Amino acid sequence: MVALGGGHGLYASLSALRRVASELTAVVTVADDGGSSGRLRRELGVLPPGDLRMALAALCGDDDWGRTWSKVVQHRFRSEGDLHGHAVGNLLIVALWELLDDPVAALDWVGRLLGAHGRVLPMASVPLDIVAEVELDGAVTTVRGQVACALTPGRVRAISLVPPDPPASPQAISAVLDADWVVFGPGSWFTSVLPHLKVPQLAEALHATRAKRLVALNLAPQPGETDGFSPQKHLEVLRQHAPALDIDVVLADSGVVDDREELEKVTIGMGGRLVTAGVATAGDPARHDARRLASVLDEIFREKR
């Protein structure tokens, strides 16, 4: 299995997939320019480590070792000094990058320390900036940076990357080509999911792979990115960014589908079938329940073997 994304959406996906996949690889966006990641990126010129850290934390097991290390790498310092806001895992990853001079090898070392049930890879070998076209009151403006894309008022229409042709991680390409399944989402659509399709070498692999492709739709709109988006609108935007990409399965939470007929129509138009199920956390409909999601994904994977 290969899971694509970043941030909290990929965390939810990996928390479920590690329960059902015998071999799991996360391919993670490297465009974050805010918070601890942004500070380390600007100061040291490294890949932003935050989304990579979260993916590693999601792959930790449910035993004492896994739970403890997941909390350690996610822990943020609170102080009046320069350490304020930095996550322990970010500093650990960057330290290994400097010592080993190999981003992938360093992530593998952290994964072994955590006992991670899978591998975490950057989608590109250099830090990226997201450039978004944002429409507000009929006017279209261009904003640069992941934070700006998420916070600028208006509706994001499309994204591109700077640099426009970044070197993809060779290990990520190999993982996609060797996969049985590739999972897109859930996550911030424009800043975590779609950027993978804007890295030319990675996009080529995603089109060429024999793996089946599953899109896991979000439970709620992403403020500042997809306000007002229906489930089918998410698929239409995906199609706009990758017109030739076929999808085998679209998974949507039954509680957020307001027009199943239209969503099924769009799904069939992309070559896939629609699966709806209750995958949200009881009492918190905006958050995926890892065990529920794992159960549904396991059924889908078994049906398609």
Protein backbone atom coordinates (compact mmCIF):
# COMPACT_ATOMS: atom_id res chain seq x y z
CA MET A 1 0.00 0.00 0.00
CA VAL A 2 1.11 3.55 -0.73
CA ALA A 3 -0.68 6.46 0.96
CA LEU A 4 -0.33 10.01 -0.36
CA GLY A 5 -0.96 13.23 1.54
CA GLY A 6 0.19 15.17 4.54
CA GLY A 7 -0.80 16.53 7.92
CA HIS A 8 -3.84 15.31 9.84
CA GLY A 9 -5.49 13.69 6.82
CA LEU A 10 -2.54 11.41 6.13
CA TYR A 11 -2.28 10.70 9.86
CA ALA A 12 -5.86 9.39 9.78
CA SER A 13 -5.21 7.32 6.67
CA LEU A 14 -2.02 5.75 8.02
CA SER A 15 -3.56 5.05 11.43
CA ALA A 16 -6.07 2.85 9.59
CA LEU A 17 -3.85 1.40 6.87
CA ARG A 18 -1.18 0.16 9.28
CA ARG A 19 -3.82 -2.17 10.69
CA VAL A 20 -4.53 -3.88 7.35
CA ALA A 21 -1.44 -3.49 5.14
CA SER A 22 1.42 -5.98 5.21
CA GLU A 23 3.70 -3.40 3.58
CA LEU A 24 2.91 0.30 3.83
CA THR A 25 4.65 3.41 2.50
CA ALA A 26 3.64 7.02 3.09
CA VAL A 27 4.60 9.55 0.41
CA VAL A 28 4.39 12.94 2.08
CA THR A 29 4.13 16.53 0.85
CA VAL A 30 7.12 18.78 1.55
CA ALA A 31 5.64 22.25 1.07
CA ASP A 32 4.85 23.31 4.65
CA ASP A 33 6.15 26.81 5.40
CA GLY A 34 4.50 27.51 8.74
CA GLY A 35 5.18 26.83 12.40
CA SER A 36 8.14 24.75 13.52
CA SER A 37 8.61 23.26 10.03
CA GLY A 38 8.73 26.66 8.39
CA ARG A 39 11.25 27.97 10.90
CA LEU A 40 13.58 24.99 10.41
CA ARG A 41 13.18 25.19 6.66
CA ARG A 42 14.09 28.86 6.53
CA GLU A 43 16.94 28.63 9.05
CA LEU A 44 18.61 25.42 7.83
CA GLY A 45 17.39 25.02 4.24
CA VAL A 46 15.99 21.54 4.94
CA LEU A 47 12.80 19.81 3.87
CA PRO A 48 9.95 20.81 6.20
CA PRO A 49 9.84 17.89 8.65
CA GLY A 50 6.41 18.35 10.24
CA ASP A 51 4.22 16.27 7.91
CA LEU A 52 6.92 13.58 7.79
CA ARG A 53 6.95 13.51 11.60
CA MET A 54 3.18 13.16 11.78
CA ALA A 55 3.26 10.26 9.33
CA LEU A 56 5.86 8.48 11.43
CA ALA A 57 3.80 9.06 14.57
CA ALA A 58 0.73 7.59 12.86
CA LEU A 59 2.68 4.43 12.03
CA CYS A 60 3.57 3.78 15.68
CA GLY A 61 2.03 0.67 17.19
CA ASP A 62 -0.58 0.41 19.93
CA ASP A 63 1.84 -1.08 22.48
CA ASP A 64 3.60 0.93 25.20
CA TRP A 65 6.65 1.52 22.98
CA GLY A 66 4.60 2.84 20.09
CA ARG A 67 2.30 5.02 22.18
CA THR A 68 5.20 6.51 24.12
CA TRP A 69 7.33 7.34 21.10
CA SER A 70 4.35 8.72 19.22
CA LYS A 71 3.78 11.15 22.11
CA VAL A 72 7.49 12.03 22.28
CA VAL A 73 7.88 12.97 18.61
CA GLN A 74 4.60 14.91 18.66
CA HIS A 75 5.52 16.80 21.86
CA ARG A 76 5.95 20.56 21.42
CA PHE A 77 8.05 22.72 23.69
CA ARG A 78 6.33 25.58 25.49
CA SER A 79 8.66 28.36 26.57
CA GLU A 80 9.48 32.04 26.22
CA GLY A 81 12.58 31.24 24.17
CA ASP A 82 13.59 30.00 20.73
CA LEU A 83 12.43 26.43 21.36
CA HIS A 84 8.81 27.52 21.75
CA GLY A 85 6.56 25.66 19.33
CA HIS A 86 9.18 23.26 18.03
CA ALA A 87 8.15 19.60 17.94
CA VAL A 88 10.65 17.09 19.33
CA GLY A 89 10.26 14.90 16.25
CA ASN A 90 11.07 17.78 13.92
CA LEU A 91 14.36 18.40 15.71
CA LEU A 92 15.19 14.69 15.77
CA ILE A 93 14.57 14.30 12.04
CA VAL A 94 16.60 17.38 11.13
CA ALA A 95 19.48 16.25 13.37
CA LEU A 96 19.63 12.92 11.55
CA TRP A 97 19.45 14.68 8.19
CA GLU A 98 22.54 16.69 9.13
CA LEU A 99 24.39 13.66 10.49
CA LEU A 100 23.58 11.25 7.65
CA ASP A 101 23.23 13.72 4.76
CA ASP A 102 20.52 11.45 3.38
CA PRO A 103 16.88 12.42 4.04
CA VAL A 104 15.44 8.99 3.27
CA ALA A 105 17.99 7.07 5.34
CA ALA A 106 17.37 9.44 8.25
CA LEU A 107 13.61 8.87 8.10
CA ASP A 108 14.23 5.12 8.05
CA TRP A 109 16.36 5.48 11.21
CA VAL A 110 13.58 7.38 12.97
CA GLY A 111 11.09 4.77 11.82
CA ARG A 112 13.17 1.99 13.35
CA LEU A 113 13.46 3.90 16.63
CA LEU A 114 9.69 4.33 16.79
CA GLY A 115 8.93 0.77 15.68
CA ALA A 116 6.92 2.24 12.81
CA HIS A 117 4.67 -0.15 10.89
CA GLY A 118 5.69 1.20 7.51
CA ARG A 119 8.03 3.59 5.74
CA VAL A 120 7.82 7.37 5.31
CA LEU A 121 9.21 9.12 2.22
CA PRO A 122 9.19 12.74 1.01
CA MET A 123 7.42 13.20 -2.32
CA ALA A 124 10.27 15.40 -3.59
CA SER A 125 13.93 15.80 -2.78
CA VAL A 126 13.77 19.59 -2.34
CA PRO A 127 11.47 21.91 -0.35
CA LEU A 128 8.50 23.13 -2.39
CA ASP A 129 6.25 26.15 -2.43
CA ILE A 130 2.58 25.87 -3.36
CA VAL A 131 1.20 28.62 -5.59
CA ALA A 132 -2.59 28.93 -5.63
CA GLU A 133 -5.05 30.78 -7.80
CA VAL A 134 -7.66 32.19 -5.43
CA GLU A 135 -10.98 33.65 -6.56
CA LEU A 136 -12.81 36.24 -4.45
CA ASP A 137 -15.73 38.38 -5.62
CA GLY A 138 -14.97 37.57 -9.25
CA ALA A 139 -11.30 38.58 -9.05
CA VAL A 140 -8.48 36.01 -9.22
CA THR A 141 -5.26 36.53 -7.30
CA THR A 142 -2.15 34.39 -6.92
CA VAL A 143 -0.74 33.55 -3.50
CA ARG A 144 2.41 31.62 -2.64
CA GLY A 145 3.06 29.34 0.32
CA GLN A 146 1.02 26.67 2.06
CA VAL A 147 -0.01 28.93 4.93
CA ALA A 148 -1.11 31.69 2.56
CA CYS A 149 -3.08 29.19 0.47
CA ALA A 150 -4.94 28.02 3.54
CA LEU A 151 -5.63 31.45 5.03
CA THR A 152 -6.28 33.74 2.04
CA PRO A 153 -10.00 34.59 1.78
CA GLY A 154 -11.74 33.21 -1.28
CA ARG A 155 -11.93 29.91 -3.11
CA VAL A 156 -8.83 28.12 -4.37
CA ARG A 157 -9.26 27.26 -8.05
CA ALA A 158 -5.96 25.53 -8.89
CA ILE A 159 -2.45 25.02 -7.61
CA SER A 160 1.05 24.72 -9.02
CA LEU A 161 4.48 24.17 -7.48
CA VAL A 162 7.71 26.15 -7.26
CA PRO A 163 10.01 24.83 -8.59
CA PRO A 164 7.64 23.52 -11.30
CA ASP A 165 9.70 20.40 -12.05
CA PRO A 166 11.15 19.29 -8.71
CA PRO A 167 13.11 16.04 -8.45
CA ALA A 168 10.82 13.35 -7.10
CA SER A 169 12.10 11.00 -4.44
CA PRO A 170 13.32 7.91 -6.36
CA GLN A 171 12.16 5.68 -3.52
CA ALA A 172 8.67 7.22 -3.73
CA ILE A 173 8.49 6.50 -7.45
CA SER A 174 9.56 2.89 -6.88
CA ALA A 175 7.00 2.47 -4.11
CA VAL A 176 4.17 3.73 -6.33
CA LEU A 177 5.18 1.52 -9.25
CA ASP A 178 5.43 -1.56 -7.01
CA ALA A 179 2.20 -0.96 -5.08
CA ASP A 180 -0.99 -2.98 -5.13
CA TRP A 181 -3.01 0.03 -3.97
CA VAL A 182 -2.44 3.79 -3.96
CA VAL A 183 -4.59 5.81 -1.57
CA PHE A 184 -5.26 9.53 -2.09
CA GLY A 185 -6.60 11.45 0.89
CA PRO A 186 -8.20 12.31 3.12
CA GLY A 187 -6.57 15.66 3.80
CA SER A 188 -6.30 19.29 2.80
CA TRP A 189 -7.20 18.91 -0.85
CA PHE A 190 -5.12 21.68 -2.42
CA THR A 191 -2.13 21.64 -0.08
CA SER A 192 -1.76 17.97 0.89
CA VAL A 193 -3.42 15.73 -1.73
CA LEU A 194 -3.19 17.44 -5.12
CA PRO A 195 0.49 18.51 -4.89
CA HIS A 196 1.57 14.91 -5.55
CA LEU A 197 0.05 15.21 -9.00
CA LYS A 198 2.08 18.35 -9.73
CA VAL A 199 5.48 16.65 -9.32
CA PRO A 200 5.97 15.45 -12.93
CA GLN A 201 7.97 12.28 -12.22
CA LEU A 202 5.67 11.23 -9.41
CA ALA A 203 2.57 12.04 -11.46
CA GLU A 204 3.92 9.89 -14.28
CA ALA A 205 4.37 6.98 -11.87
CA LEU A 206 0.85 7.47 -10.47
CA HIS A 207 -0.55 7.22 -13.99
CA ALA A 208 1.68 4.32 -15.04
CA THR A 209 1.38 2.10 -11.98
CA ARG A 210 -0.65 -1.10 -12.15
CA ALA A 211 -1.85 -0.40 -8.62
CA LYS A 212 -5.52 0.21 -8.00
CA ARG A 213 -6.29 3.76 -6.91
CA LEU A 214 -8.59 4.70 -4.04
CA VAL A 215 -9.71 8.20 -3.11
CA ALA A 216 -10.79 8.67 0.51
CA LEU A 217 -12.92 11.80 0.71
CA ASN A 218 -12.89 14.26 3.59
CA LEU A 219 -15.44 14.35 6.37
CA ALA A 220 -15.70 18.13 6.43
CA PRO A 221 -14.65 21.11 4.30
CA GLN A 222 -11.15 22.48 4.90
CA PRO A 223 -11.48 26.10 6.07
CA GLY A 224 -9.90 28.48 3.58
CA GLU A 225 -9.47 25.76 0.92
CA THR A 226 -12.67 23.84 0.25
CA ASP A 227 -15.43 25.79 1.99
CA GLY A 228 -18.71 24.83 0.37
CA PHE A 229 -17.24 21.88 -1.54
CA SER A 230 -19.50 18.87 -1.95
CA PRO A 231 -17.92 15.39 -2.08
CA GLN A 232 -18.33 15.37 -5.85
CA LYS A 233 -16.66 18.77 -6.14
CA HIS A 234 -13.53 17.27 -4.55
CA LEU A 235 -13.48 14.65 -7.31
CA GLU A 236 -14.06 17.23 -10.03
CA VAL A 237 -11.08 19.26 -8.79
CA LEU A 238 -8.97 16.10 -8.73
CA ARG A 239 -10.00 15.42 -12.34
CA GLN A 240 -9.07 18.99 -13.33
CA HIS A 241 -5.55 18.52 -11.98
CA ALA A 242 -5.11 15.00 -13.44
CA PRO A 243 -7.53 14.51 -16.36
CA ALA A 244 -6.09 11.13 -17.40
CA LEU A 245 -5.97 9.58 -13.92
CA ASP A 246 -8.41 6.71 -13.48
CA ILE A 247 -9.79 5.89 -10.05
CA ASP A 248 -10.93 2.41 -8.97
CA VAL A 249 -12.72 3.22 -5.70
CA VAL A 250 -14.06 6.37 -4.06
CA LEU A 251 -14.74 6.03 -0.33
CA ALA A 252 -17.06 8.55 1.30
CA ASP A 253 -18.58 8.72 4.75
CA SER A 254 -22.28 8.00 4.47
CA GLY A 255 -23.05 10.89 6.80
CA VAL A 256 -21.65 13.57 4.47
CA VAL A 257 -23.07 12.37 1.14
CA ASP A 258 -26.00 14.64 0.34
CA ASP A 259 -26.45 13.58 -3.30
CA ARG A 260 -25.39 9.98 -3.78
CA GLU A 261 -26.65 9.83 -7.35
CA GLU A 262 -24.47 12.77 -8.43
CA LEU A 263 -21.43 11.52 -6.49
CA GLU A 264 -21.82 8.09 -8.07
CA LYS A 265 -22.09 9.66 -11.50
CA VAL A 266 -18.83 11.56 -11.07
CA THR A 267 -17.14 8.47 -9.63
CA ILE A 268 -18.20 6.30 -12.58
CA GLY A 269 -16.96 9.03 -14.92
CA MET A 270 -13.51 8.59 -13.38
CA GLY A 271 -13.65 4.83 -13.91
CA GLY A 272 -14.47 3.84 -10.36
CA ARG A 273 -17.16 2.62 -8.01
CA LEU A 274 -18.51 4.41 -4.98
CA VAL A 275 -18.35 2.95 -1.47
CA THR A 276 -20.13 4.72 1.38
CA ALA A 277 -19.76 3.73 5.02
CA GLY A 278 -19.68 5.21 8.49
CA VAL A 279 -16.01 5.98 9.10
CA ALA A 280 -16.31 9.03 11.38
CA THR A 281 -15.58 9.01 15.09
CA ALA A 282 -18.69 8.76 17.26
CA GLY A 283 -19.34 12.18 18.72
CA ASP A 284 -16.78 13.85 16.43
CA PRO A 285 -18.05 13.67 12.82
CA ALA A 286 -15.10 15.69 11.49
CA ARG A 287 -12.52 13.06 12.54
CA HIS A 288 -11.98 9.58 11.10
CA ASP A 289 -12.21 6.59 13.41
CA ALA A 290 -9.07 4.57 12.66
CA ARG A 291 -10.64 1.19 13.42
CA ARG A 292 -13.80 1.86 11.44
CA LEU A 293 -11.80 3.15 8.50
CA ALA A 294 -9.45 0.15 8.68
CA SER A 295 -12.39 -2.26 8.62
CA VAL A 296 -13.93 -0.65 5.55
CA LEU A 297 -10.60 -0.44 3.72
CA ASP A 298 -9.90 -4.09 4.48
CA GLU A 299 -13.21 -5.09 2.91
CA ILE A 300 -12.45 -3.02 -0.20
CA PHE A 301 -8.97 -4.44 -0.59
CA ARG A 302 -10.22 -8.03 -0.19
CA GLU A 303 -13.00 -7.53 -2.76
CA LYS A 304 -10.53 -6.25 -5.35
CA ARG A 305 -7.94 -9.04 -5.00
